[in-house]
Amino acid sequence: MKPKETVFVIPTHRLRDVAQTIEKYDENFWANGHALKIIVFDDSSIANHEKYYPLLEQTKTVNDVFYVGPQQKEQFITFLNERLRDRKLESLVKNLFRPSYGGNRNFTLMYTLGHLMVSADDDMRPDALIETSPESLSGDEICRGKLIKSSQQGGYVHKSFDLLTAFGDVLGQKASHVPENFESGELVLDTAMDLETNTTKGYFRENSL
């Protein structure tokens, strides 16, 4: 059997924002000695695709970047229906992969089936702002975050980490096999998120885990 490949995916419906995200993650992977596929899964409208895809094409990276947009998704659905050979299942397939938050992520799962997958939103970056004088955490807190204006100077340091190595320590592992330097517990609650629906509760200036 071939060893499992790690694939980095970016689901989006805002193709305009993706080019810079790809550049930042590609720089992080290259600086830490990683070579892997980067795949963009685009839920944009045809009009947005035509407007912003040329910007994506001009993005220079070390790692290979692949694009799955409206046309590729239609081809995949057609291929899947041909393999299933059952007209009654076509509406189910269409619903599973319809343009939506869940539908776009279903594409990421199908394209990376049998391999390891790391995903990032189109507005994320592979680094962190860490306070130089943080408040103490309570006994049951893992971390605490707060909103910082982009114009704010001082009070924090900008740090970048080897994300893929950290993910590689736990991806595909049983919880009991996770290294001891990782925090673990039975349940993690985010004060800004609803646990059952995995949606934000609204606009928060601070949150804790």
Foldseek 3Di string as FASTA:
>chain_A
DDDFAEEEEEEEQQLQLQLVQVAQVLVLCVVVVHEHEYEYQYLYDPVNCVVRVVVNVPRDGPHHYYYQYDVNVVVVLVVVCVVVVDPVCSVVSCVCQPRDPRNSVVVVCVVRPPHHYHYDYSPDGQKDWAFPDDDDDDPPFDDKDFDDDPPDDDRTDIGGDNVVVVCVQPTPDDPVNRDPVDDDDDDDDKPQADPPVRHGPDDDRMITD
